[in-house]
Amino acid sequence: MSEEDLDPYAIDDSEDDFRPSDYSSESSDEEQPIQKKVKLNKTLSNRISTSTSSHVDEVIENVVSQANDESSEDQNNEEDSPTETQFTWTAVTGKHLKSFDFNAVETGISPEVAVTLANKKPYDFYKFFLSDEIIEFIVSETNKYAQQTIENENRTQHSRLNKWKPITPDELEVFLGMIIWMGLDRKPRLADYWSKNILYASEVSHFMSRNRFELILRMWHFSDNNQCPQGDRLFKIQPLIDRLLEKFQAANTPNKEVCIDETLVPFRGRLSFKQYIKNRRHKFGIKLYKLCTENGYTFNLKVYCGKDVTELGVPASSSVVMTLMRNVLDSGRILYTDNFYTSVYLAHQLQNRSTHLVGTLRSNRKMNPIDVVKAKLKKNEVIARESNTGVVVLKWKDKRDVLMLSTVHTDDIVEVQAENKKTVQKPKAVVDYNNCKAFIDLSDQMKSYSSALRRGVKWNRKLAVELITGAALTNSHILYKAITQDKIQITKFKEELAKNLLQKGIPQEKEEEEIVDQQAKKCGLIKTEARRRCTVCYETLRNKNGREYAMKKCKQTPYKCDGCGSFFCVECFYIKHKSIKI
């Protein structure tokens, strides 16, 4: 080995250092020693700088053996992926396209689910996804988090936490019913739902007091914070996602065509994986990757929580696709994606799992045919190339260039009817893509009607509302229409569901009267040294003239109820305690 090879400060000006790892050319075999030499020099520079002169020979031997091992691994990886000598583009004939038989068993709605939910109400369909098991889980975690908060927080005398009592499954359903109702009846602020103003007054608010609703909303939880592993960003919401996805996939099996795209849950709070998408109506939020079937049914989803750690050489977008498609591969399905996911690399990965890929394509993707990407076309002209691995890439000129990739279509042109009732010609791949890409759009459209999402600072609570009153409720509506053949609108479906959920509770006024009647016999007036405002007089003046007027004009009394702890005038005491006879 010459001194030049061992010089740790040697510089190689070749451009190969900056080429991607999967770059290949006709002269790749000749350039391997140069790349190996550069890697060797860099490694030696790091090793020798930290070693003494007596260990230089040993370090050199170790580095040389390591470089030889890495070189052999690179050669093995290159054998697994198609090189330029193996991967070629030619005119489209269709003879290289692979055919996969669709062998999925019992696609569509599960027969057991269809029998179970036949002739049922919207509430029963919703409860199939948000089952008693999930309700009990949320109740348990909410009460656990409330107990932890009470033990760890320094509470004042008038803190709302002093009035906390464990939530029950029925009370949680009332809570969810009120959230759905709030989406149907939008008001400026949360407190306005309990306002006695004639513009905002509603009977629904009597099913739960404002303090109780806000307290449950604060304690609403889906995991035990004490068991959170380090670095798990989705620990607060992942248990709920796993349980809902299990229900989503048990109720419906996708047909041959499926679609993957992303959606955004609006959120402007502080969050490390918050996304910004400038072309969306809500530009900031939490990104979800969704796999949808026909009619907009959400079959699988994944929350984007920062840069994904993928295998070496695997694009992050391809990793997302393989994760979402995990349960529907090897069955001959056709996947439709947009240009964020589509690539020749992904097409090869899916072909190995007996799955086709159709989607729009970015012009700067690796392994794209150069003559197709750079072609200048006139309107309605098409240029296409087919690879020897069964991938077709075509460009079609409409108002602008449309670049498509497909492993199931050729460059065939079909006639379709446009909105103005005129017949136009389009590639078959474009027509099928437009039809199946609408799966995601329909899902987003359905959940946007009367959305229950509100501004908040807790991202996990925002995501929970999206899952429970968005994805789960929309899937319930799709199942309801398919099984009962009732073409009910999503808004009407939500109204029926909200009424059934609220029936689990007792109107707050009646509940308070029952409690007062039960405790009335234990109540009695005692005279104290302190003087406080009369509870009944204060409420009367506040409702009539406002809070500030009531605080100034309300008379004070030394008499206190030893049962409920409130101060009363003698006359007002018997107004509040109706069962006590004067």
Foldseek 3Di string as FASTA:
>chain_A
DDVQLAALPDDDPDPPVVDDLLDDDPCPVVCVVVVLSNVLSPQLVVVVVPDDPVCSVVSSVVSVVVSVVVVVVSVVVNVVDDHPVRKDKDAFDQPLFDAFAQADDDAWFDPVVLVVCFPHALQVLLCLLCPPVVLVLQLVQLQVQLVVCVVPDDDDPPDLSVVDDRDDSLNVLLLLLVLLVCLVPPDDDPCLCVDPPPVRDDLSCLLDPPSVSVVSLVSRWRADPVPDDPPPPCRGAVVVQVSSLVSLQNGGHADQEKEKDKDFQAADADAPQWAADPPDPRGTGWMKIFIFHPPQATNHIDTDRDDDDDPPPDDPLLVVVCVRCVPPFLRQHEYEYEQVRDDPVSQVVRVVRNYKYKYWHDLPGPPDDPCQSPDDDDAQDKDWIAMSNQKIWMWHHHVHITIMIISPFTQDKDWDQDPVRDIDIDGPSVVVNVVNNCSNVSLVVQQPRSQSADHDRDRSSSVVSCVSSRNSLSNSVVSCCVSHVDPDRSSVSSVSNSVVSSVSGDRNVVVLLVVLQVQLVVKDKDFDPDKDFAPVQLVVCCVVPRNVVSVVPGDIGRIAIPRPGGHHDPVVVCVSNVNDDD
